[in-house]
């Protein structure tokens, strides 16, 4: 049985970065630049992966994960590859952020299954760049002017 595709609002950005300074900048940017998404922070990939296991399919599909390329314990590309090996995470929007735009780092992330690669800090500009790289993600600002996004490729579970 075929399910019709619907448009779903993106509600949350999960930011996996072990730098307190980067999280501070992201949180500040989300408030100052009127980004209408919840920002949830994880310092370690393992705690993030455990959190994902507790979420519904809808929560997975209405969120975006942004993983730092150079976590202290692991590489963001390794985390992306780990998630992409599981059917449950195939439809998630997963990507990597980095303080540099090293072509080799970008390529390894995309080969691991990342949907996007953006430069830090995680702010309005990074989110708009992300939307340019993910064909199913579209800017959809709220009536109050907050930056928002929708996905046009999500079929809710029945």
N, C-alpha and C. Protein backbone atom coordinates (compact mmCIF):
# COMPACT_ATOMS: atom_id res chain seq x y z
N UNK A 1 0.84 -1.18 0.00
CA UNK A 1 0.00 0.00 0.00
C UNK A 1 0.88 1.24 0.00
N UNK A 2 0.63 2.14 -0.89
CA UNK A 2 1.42 3.35 -1.01
C UNK A 2 0.84 4.46 -0.14
N UNK A 3 1.74 5.14 0.57
CA UNK A 3 1.30 6.27 1.40
C UNK A 3 1.65 7.57 0.70
N UNK A 4 0.73 8.51 0.75
CA UNK A 4 0.97 9.81 0.14
C UNK A 4 1.98 10.60 0.96
N UNK A 5 2.80 11.33 0.26
CA UNK A 5 3.78 12.17 0.93
C UNK A 5 3.10 13.41 1.49
N UNK A 6 3.52 13.82 2.66
CA UNK A 6 2.96 15.02 3.27
C UNK A 6 4.09 15.98 3.60
N UNK A 7 3.72 17.19 3.92
CA UNK A 7 4.68 18.18 4.36
C UNK A 7 4.64 18.26 5.88
N UNK A 8 5.81 18.17 6.51
CA UNK A 8 5.88 18.21 7.97
C UNK A 8 6.80 19.32 8.42
N UNK A 9 6.42 20.03 9.48
CA UNK A 9 7.31 21.07 10.00
C UNK A 9 8.50 20.45 10.73
N UNK A 10 9.64 21.06 10.57
CA UNK A 10 10.82 20.66 11.36
C UNK A 10 10.71 21.41 12.68
N UNK A 11 10.90 20.68 13.78
CA UNK A 11 10.71 21.30 15.10
C UNK A 11 12.00 21.43 15.90
N UNK A 12 12.99 20.56 15.64
CA UNK A 12 14.15 20.48 16.52
C UNK A 12 15.44 20.33 15.74
N UNK A 13 16.48 20.96 16.24
CA UNK A 13 17.85 20.73 15.76
C UNK A 13 18.62 20.11 16.92
N UNK A 14 19.17 18.93 16.70
CA UNK A 14 20.04 18.29 17.67
C UNK A 14 21.47 18.65 17.29
N UNK A 15 22.18 19.24 18.21
CA UNK A 15 23.54 19.72 17.96
C UNK A 15 24.50 18.90 18.82
N UNK A 16 25.33 18.11 18.17
CA UNK A 16 26.29 17.27 18.87
C UNK A 16 27.66 17.92 18.72
N UNK A 17 28.13 18.53 19.81
CA UNK A 17 29.41 19.24 19.80
C UNK A 17 29.94 19.28 21.22
N UNK A 18 31.19 18.91 21.41
CA UNK A 18 31.76 18.86 22.76
C UNK A 18 32.35 20.20 23.21
N UNK A 19 32.14 21.24 22.45
CA UNK A 19 32.63 22.57 22.82
C UNK A 19 31.50 23.39 23.44
N UNK A 20 31.67 23.77 24.69
CA UNK A 20 30.68 24.62 25.36
C UNK A 20 30.56 25.97 24.65
N UNK A 21 31.66 26.46 24.11
CA UNK A 21 31.64 27.74 23.40
C UNK A 21 30.79 27.66 22.13
N UNK A 22 30.91 26.56 21.39
CA UNK A 22 30.11 26.40 20.17
C UNK A 22 28.63 26.30 20.49
N UNK A 23 28.30 25.59 21.57
CA UNK A 23 26.90 25.50 21.98
C UNK A 23 26.38 26.88 22.40
N UNK A 24 27.18 27.62 23.16
CA UNK A 24 26.79 28.96 23.57
C UNK A 24 26.48 29.83 22.36
N UNK A 25 27.37 29.80 21.35
CA UNK A 25 27.16 30.60 20.14
C UNK A 25 25.90 30.17 19.39
N UNK A 26 25.68 28.86 19.30
CA UNK A 26 24.49 28.36 18.61
C UNK A 26 23.22 28.80 19.34
N UNK A 27 23.21 28.62 20.65
CA UNK A 27 22.05 28.99 21.45
C UNK A 27 21.78 30.50 21.34
N UNK A 28 22.82 31.29 21.42
CA UNK A 28 22.70 32.74 21.28
C UNK A 28 22.14 33.10 19.90
N UNK A 29 22.67 32.45 18.86
CA UNK A 29 22.21 32.73 17.50
C UNK A 29 20.75 32.36 17.31
N UNK A 30 20.33 31.22 17.87
CA UNK A 30 18.94 30.80 17.72
C UNK A 30 18.00 31.84 18.33
N UNK A 31 18.40 32.41 19.46
CA UNK A 31 17.55 33.42 20.10
C UNK A 31 17.64 34.76 19.38
N UNK A 32 18.84 35.22 19.11
CA UNK A 32 19.04 36.54 18.51
C UNK A 32 18.52 36.62 17.07
N UNK A 33 18.73 35.56 16.31
CA UNK A 33 18.37 35.56 14.90
C UNK A 33 16.96 35.00 14.65
N UNK A 34 16.20 34.83 15.73
CA UNK A 34 14.81 34.38 15.64
C UNK A 34 14.67 33.11 14.81
N UNK A 35 15.37 32.08 15.24
CA UNK A 35 15.26 30.77 14.62
C UNK A 35 14.20 30.01 15.41
N UNK A 36 13.11 29.68 14.76
CA UNK A 36 11.96 29.07 15.43
C UNK A 36 12.04 27.57 15.57
N UNK A 37 13.19 27.06 15.95
CA UNK A 37 13.39 25.63 16.17
C UNK A 37 13.97 25.44 17.56
N UNK A 38 13.61 24.32 18.18
CA UNK A 38 14.23 23.98 19.46
C UNK A 38 15.65 23.50 19.19
N UNK A 39 16.58 23.93 20.02
CA UNK A 39 17.98 23.50 19.92
C UNK A 39 18.28 22.60 21.11
N UNK A 40 18.61 21.35 20.83
CA UNK A 40 18.98 20.41 21.89
C UNK A 40 20.44 20.03 21.70
N UNK A 41 21.19 20.09 22.79
CA UNK A 41 22.64 19.91 22.73
C UNK A 41 23.07 18.60 23.38
N UNK A 42 24.02 17.93 22.75
CA UNK A 42 24.65 16.73 23.28
C UNK A 42 26.16 16.93 23.16
N UNK A 43 26.88 16.64 24.23
CA UNK A 43 28.34 16.79 24.20
C UNK A 43 29.03 15.58 23.60
N UNK A 44 28.39 14.41 23.64
CA UNK A 44 29.01 13.19 23.14
C UNK A 44 28.07 12.47 22.18
N UNK A 45 28.65 11.86 21.17
CA UNK A 45 27.84 11.15 20.19
C UNK A 45 27.09 9.98 20.84
N UNK A 46 27.71 9.27 21.76
CA UNK A 46 27.05 8.11 22.39
C UNK A 46 25.76 8.51 23.10
N UNK A 47 25.76 9.63 23.82
CA UNK A 47 24.54 10.06 24.50
C UNK A 47 23.48 10.49 23.49
N UNK A 48 23.89 11.09 22.39
CA UNK A 48 22.97 11.45 21.33
C UNK A 48 22.34 10.21 20.71
N UNK A 49 23.16 9.22 20.37
CA UNK A 49 22.66 7.98 19.77
C UNK A 49 21.67 7.28 20.71
N UNK A 50 21.97 7.27 22.01
CA UNK A 50 21.05 6.66 22.97
C UNK A 50 19.72 7.42 22.99
N UNK A 51 19.78 8.75 22.93
CA UNK A 51 18.56 9.56 22.89
C UNK A 51 17.72 9.24 21.66
N UNK A 52 18.35 9.08 20.51
CA UNK A 52 17.62 8.78 19.28
C UNK A 52 16.83 7.49 19.42
N UNK A 53 17.39 6.52 20.13
CA UNK A 53 16.71 5.23 20.31
C UNK A 53 15.41 5.34 21.07
N UNK A 54 15.21 6.42 21.80
CA UNK A 54 14.00 6.63 22.59
C UNK A 54 12.91 7.40 21.85
N UNK A 55 13.21 7.85 20.64
CA UNK A 55 12.28 8.74 19.92
C UNK A 55 11.37 7.98 18.97
N UNK A 56 10.23 8.58 18.69
CA UNK A 56 9.30 8.01 17.72
C UNK A 56 9.80 8.31 16.30
N UNK A 57 9.21 7.61 15.34
CA UNK A 57 9.55 7.86 13.94
C UNK A 57 9.24 9.32 13.56
N UNK A 58 8.12 9.82 14.05
CA UNK A 58 7.75 11.21 13.74
C UNK A 58 8.79 12.18 14.28
N UNK A 59 9.25 11.97 15.51
CA UNK A 59 10.26 12.85 16.09
C UNK A 59 11.57 12.79 15.30
N UNK A 60 11.92 11.62 14.81
CA UNK A 60 13.14 11.49 14.00
C UNK A 60 13.02 12.25 12.69
N UNK A 61 11.83 12.23 12.11
CA UNK A 61 11.63 12.84 10.80
C UNK A 61 11.30 14.32 10.85
N UNK A 62 11.06 14.86 12.02
CA UNK A 62 10.77 16.30 12.11
C UNK A 62 11.92 17.03 12.80
N UNK A 63 13.09 16.43 12.73
CA UNK A 63 14.28 17.01 13.36
C UNK A 63 15.46 16.94 12.41
N UNK A 64 16.46 17.72 12.73
CA UNK A 64 17.72 17.74 11.98
C UNK A 64 18.84 17.50 12.97
N UNK A 65 19.76 16.62 12.63
CA UNK A 65 20.93 16.37 13.47
C UNK A 65 22.16 17.01 12.83
N UNK A 66 22.88 17.80 13.63
CA UNK A 66 24.11 18.45 13.19
C UNK A 66 25.23 17.97 14.12
N UNK A 67 26.19 17.25 13.56
CA UNK A 67 27.25 16.62 14.35
C UNK A 67 28.58 17.26 13.99
N UNK A 68 29.32 17.65 15.00
CA UNK A 68 30.64 18.25 14.79
C UNK A 68 31.57 17.25 14.11
N UNK A 69 32.32 17.70 13.13
CA UNK A 69 33.25 16.82 12.43
C UNK A 69 34.33 16.29 13.35
N UNK A 70 34.83 17.13 14.25
CA UNK A 70 35.97 16.74 15.07
C UNK A 70 35.61 16.69 16.55
N UNK A 71 34.77 15.72 16.91
CA UNK A 71 34.49 15.49 18.32
C UNK A 71 35.76 14.95 18.97
N UNK A 72 35.91 15.15 20.27
CA UNK A 72 37.12 14.70 20.96
C UNK A 72 37.32 13.20 20.85
N UNK A 73 36.25 12.45 21.01
CA UNK A 73 36.35 10.98 21.04
C UNK A 73 36.18 10.35 19.66
N UNK A 74 35.46 11.00 18.76
CA UNK A 74 35.19 10.40 17.46
C UNK A 74 35.05 11.48 16.39
N UNK A 75 34.91 11.04 15.17
CA UNK A 75 34.67 11.97 14.06
C UNK A 75 33.18 11.97 13.74
N UNK A 76 32.68 13.11 13.36
CA UNK A 76 31.28 13.22 12.98
C UNK A 76 30.92 12.28 11.85
N UNK A 77 31.84 12.09 10.92
CA UNK A 77 31.57 11.18 9.79
C UNK A 77 31.39 9.75 10.28
N UNK A 78 32.11 9.35 11.33
CA UNK A 78 31.94 8.00 11.89
C UNK A 78 30.55 7.84 12.50
N UNK A 79 30.08 8.89 13.19
CA UNK A 79 28.74 8.86 13.77
C UNK A 79 27.66 8.77 12.70
N UNK A 80 27.83 9.55 11.63
CA UNK A 80 26.87 9.50 10.53
C UNK A 80 26.83 8.09 9.94
N UNK A 81 28.00 7.52 9.68
CA UNK A 81 28.06 6.17 9.10
C UNK A 81 27.39 5.15 10.03
N UNK A 82 27.61 5.28 11.33
CA UNK A 82 26.99 4.36 12.31
C UNK A 82 25.47 4.45 12.23
N UNK A 83 24.93 5.65 12.16
CA UNK A 83 23.48 5.81 12.09
C UNK A 83 22.93 5.32 10.75
N UNK A 84 23.60 5.60 9.68
CA UNK A 84 23.12 5.21 8.35
C UNK A 84 23.09 3.70 8.15
N UNK A 85 23.84 2.95 8.94
CA UNK A 85 23.81 1.48 8.85
C UNK A 85 22.49 0.89 9.38
N UNK A 86 21.70 1.70 10.06
CA UNK A 86 20.44 1.22 10.65
C UNK A 86 19.26 1.76 9.85
N UNK A 87 18.34 0.87 9.49
CA UNK A 87 17.16 1.27 8.72
C UNK A 87 16.38 2.39 9.39
N UNK A 88 16.31 2.36 10.71
CA UNK A 88 15.53 3.34 11.47
C UNK A 88 15.95 4.79 11.17
N UNK A 89 17.20 5.01 10.82
CA UNK A 89 17.72 6.37 10.65
C UNK A 89 17.93 6.77 9.19
N UNK A 90 17.45 5.95 8.26
CA UNK A 90 17.64 6.26 6.84
C UNK A 90 16.95 7.55 6.42
N UNK A 91 15.79 7.84 6.98
CA UNK A 91 15.04 9.02 6.58
C UNK A 91 15.36 10.28 7.35
N UNK A 92 16.27 10.20 8.31
CA UNK A 92 16.64 11.39 9.09
C UNK A 92 17.48 12.35 8.26
N UNK A 93 17.38 13.61 8.58
CA UNK A 93 18.30 14.59 8.00
C UNK A 93 19.49 14.67 8.94
N UNK A 94 20.64 14.18 8.46
CA UNK A 94 21.87 14.12 9.25
C UNK A 94 22.96 14.89 8.54
N UNK A 95 23.70 15.68 9.28
CA UNK A 95 24.78 16.42 8.65
C UNK A 95 25.89 16.74 9.61
N UNK A 96 26.89 17.40 9.08
CA UNK A 96 28.11 17.68 9.81
C UNK A 96 28.42 19.17 9.74
N UNK A 97 28.97 19.67 10.85
CA UNK A 97 29.47 21.05 10.87
C UNK A 97 30.95 21.02 11.24
N UNK A 98 31.64 22.04 10.79
CA UNK A 98 33.08 22.10 11.07
C UNK A 98 33.53 23.55 11.08
N UNK A 99 34.61 23.79 11.79
CA UNK A 99 35.20 25.13 11.80
C UNK A 99 35.99 25.42 10.54
N UNK A 100 36.24 24.41 9.72
CA UNK A 100 36.95 24.62 8.46
C UNK A 100 36.19 23.92 7.34
N UNK A 101 36.45 24.35 6.14
CA UNK A 101 35.79 23.75 4.99
C UNK A 101 36.79 22.91 4.20
N UNK A 102 37.46 22.01 4.90
CA UNK A 102 38.44 21.13 4.27
C UNK A 102 37.73 20.21 3.28
N UNK A 103 38.10 20.26 2.01
CA UNK A 103 37.43 19.42 1.01
C UNK A 103 37.49 17.92 1.34
N UNK A 104 38.57 17.45 1.92
CA UNK A 104 38.68 16.03 2.27
C UNK A 104 37.70 15.68 3.40
N UNK A 105 37.57 16.55 4.37
CA UNK A 105 36.62 16.33 5.46
C UNK A 105 35.19 16.34 4.95
N UNK A 106 34.90 17.29 4.09
CA UNK A 106 33.56 17.37 3.49
C UNK A 106 33.26 16.09 2.72
N UNK A 107 34.19 15.64 1.90
CA UNK A 107 33.99 14.44 1.08
C UNK A 107 33.78 13.20 1.95
N UNK A 108 34.56 13.05 3.02
CA UNK A 108 34.41 11.87 3.88
C UNK A 108 33.04 11.85 4.56
N UNK A 109 32.53 13.02 4.91
CA UNK A 109 31.20 13.10 5.53
C UNK A 109 30.10 12.73 4.55
N UNK A 110 30.19 13.24 3.35
CA UNK A 110 29.18 12.93 2.34
C UNK A 110 29.22 11.45 1.98
N UNK A 111 30.41 10.88 1.90
CA UNK A 111 30.54 9.44 1.62
C UNK A 111 29.98 8.60 2.76
N UNK A 112 30.04 9.11 3.98
CA UNK A 112 29.51 8.39 5.14
C UNK A 112 27.99 8.45 5.22
N UNK A 113 27.37 9.31 4.40
CA UNK A 113 25.91 9.41 4.37
C UNK A 113 25.34 10.71 4.87
N UNK A 114 26.19 11.72 5.08
CA UNK A 114 25.70 13.03 5.52
C UNK A 114 24.87 13.67 4.40
N UNK A 115 23.81 14.34 4.80
CA UNK A 115 22.98 15.07 3.85
C UNK A 115 23.52 16.46 3.58
N UNK A 116 24.33 16.98 4.50
CA UNK A 116 24.88 18.32 4.34
C UNK A 116 26.17 18.47 5.12
N UNK A 117 26.90 19.51 4.79
CA UNK A 117 28.13 19.89 5.48
C UNK A 117 28.11 21.41 5.55
N UNK A 118 28.13 21.97 6.77
CA UNK A 118 28.09 23.42 6.93
C UNK A 118 29.22 23.89 7.83
N UNK A 119 29.57 25.16 7.67
CA UNK A 119 30.61 25.77 8.51
C UNK A 119 29.98 26.28 9.80
N UNK A 120 30.77 26.23 10.87
CA UNK A 120 30.35 26.81 12.14
C UNK A 120 30.52 28.32 12.04
N UNK A 121 29.80 29.06 12.86
CA UNK A 121 28.91 28.63 13.93
C UNK A 121 27.57 28.18 13.38
N UNK A 122 26.83 27.44 14.21
CA UNK A 122 25.49 26.99 13.84
C UNK A 122 24.54 28.16 14.06
N UNK A 123 24.24 28.84 12.96
CA UNK A 123 23.41 30.05 13.03
C UNK A 123 22.48 30.08 11.82
N UNK A 124 21.82 31.20 11.61
CA UNK A 124 20.87 31.35 10.49
C UNK A 124 21.54 31.04 9.16
N UNK A 125 22.72 31.58 8.94
CA UNK A 125 23.43 31.35 7.67
C UNK A 125 23.70 29.87 7.47
N UNK A 126 24.14 29.17 8.51
CA UNK A 126 24.41 27.73 8.40
C UNK A 126 23.14 26.96 8.09
N UNK A 127 22.03 27.33 8.74
CA UNK A 127 20.76 26.63 8.50
C UNK A 127 20.26 26.86 7.07
N UNK A 128 20.41 28.07 6.56
CA UNK A 128 20.00 28.33 5.19
C UNK A 128 20.90 27.59 4.19
N UNK A 129 22.18 27.49 4.49
CA UNK A 129 23.10 26.71 3.66
C UNK A 129 22.69 25.24 3.68
N UNK A 130 22.33 24.75 4.85
CA UNK A 130 21.87 23.38 5.00
C UNK A 130 20.65 23.13 4.10
N UNK A 131 19.69 24.03 4.12
CA UNK A 131 18.49 23.87 3.31
C UNK A 131 18.82 23.86 1.81
N UNK A 132 19.85 24.60 1.42
CA UNK A 132 20.28 24.59 0.02
C UNK A 132 20.84 23.22 -0.39
N UNK A 133 21.38 22.47 0.57
CA UNK A 133 22.01 21.19 0.28
C UNK A 133 21.07 19.99 0.41
N UNK A 134 19.94 20.16 1.07
CA UNK A 134 19.00 19.06 1.31
C UNK A 134 17.74 19.34 0.49
N UNK A 135 17.54 18.62 -0.63
CA UNK A 135 16.42 18.90 -1.52
C UNK A 135 15.03 18.82 -0.86
N UNK A 136 14.87 18.01 0.16
CA UNK A 136 13.54 17.86 0.79
C UNK A 136 13.29 18.87 1.90
N UNK A 137 14.25 19.74 2.18
CA UNK A 137 14.13 20.73 3.26
C UNK A 137 13.91 22.11 2.66
N UNK A 138 12.85 22.78 3.14
CA UNK A 138 12.50 24.09 2.59
C UNK A 138 12.26 25.10 3.69
N UNK A 139 12.72 26.31 3.45
CA UNK A 139 12.47 27.39 4.40
C UNK A 139 10.97 27.69 4.43
N UNK A 140 10.44 27.84 5.63
CA UNK A 140 9.01 28.12 5.82
C UNK A 140 8.88 28.96 7.08
N UNK A 141 9.08 30.25 6.94
CA UNK A 141 9.07 31.13 8.10
C UNK A 141 7.69 31.19 8.75
N UNK A 142 7.69 31.30 10.07
CA UNK A 142 6.46 31.40 10.84
C UNK A 142 5.82 32.77 10.65
N UNK A 143 4.55 32.86 10.99
CA UNK A 143 3.84 34.13 10.85
C UNK A 143 4.48 35.24 11.67
N UNK A 144 5.13 34.87 12.79
CA UNK A 144 5.77 35.89 13.63
C UNK A 144 7.16 36.29 13.12
N UNK A 145 7.58 35.71 11.97
CA UNK A 145 8.87 36.06 11.39
C UNK A 145 10.02 35.17 11.77
N UNK A 146 9.79 34.20 12.66
CA UNK A 146 10.85 33.27 13.03
C UNK A 146 11.20 32.36 11.85
N UNK A 147 12.49 32.07 11.70
CA UNK A 147 12.95 31.17 10.66
C UNK A 147 12.45 29.76 10.96
N UNK A 148 11.84 29.13 9.97
CA UNK A 148 11.35 27.77 10.12
C UNK A 148 11.61 26.97 8.86
N UNK A 149 11.40 25.65 8.97
CA UNK A 149 11.61 24.75 7.84
C UNK A 149 10.52 23.69 7.82
N UNK A 150 10.28 23.16 6.61
CA UNK A 150 9.40 22.02 6.45
C UNK A 150 10.12 20.97 5.60
N UNK A 151 9.65 19.73 5.73
CA UNK A 151 10.12 18.63 4.89
C UNK A 151 8.97 18.22 3.99
N UNK A 152 9.27 17.94 2.74
CA UNK A 152 8.20 17.55 1.83
C UNK A 152 8.27 16.07 1.45
N UNK A 153 9.05 15.30 2.19
CA UNK A 153 9.21 13.90 1.81
C UNK A 153 8.87 12.93 2.94
N UNK A 154 8.04 13.34 3.85
CA UNK A 154 7.77 12.52 5.02
C UNK A 154 6.38 11.90 4.96
N UNK A 155 6.31 10.60 5.09
CA UNK A 155 5.03 9.90 5.20
C UNK A 155 4.90 9.41 6.62
N UNK A 156 3.93 9.93 7.38
CA UNK A 156 3.79 9.52 8.76
C UNK A 156 3.50 8.03 8.87
N UNK A 157 3.98 7.37 9.91
CA UNK A 157 3.69 5.95 10.10
C UNK A 157 2.20 5.74 10.37
N UNK A 158 1.69 4.62 9.92
CA UNK A 158 0.27 4.32 10.15
C UNK A 158 0.13 3.21 11.15
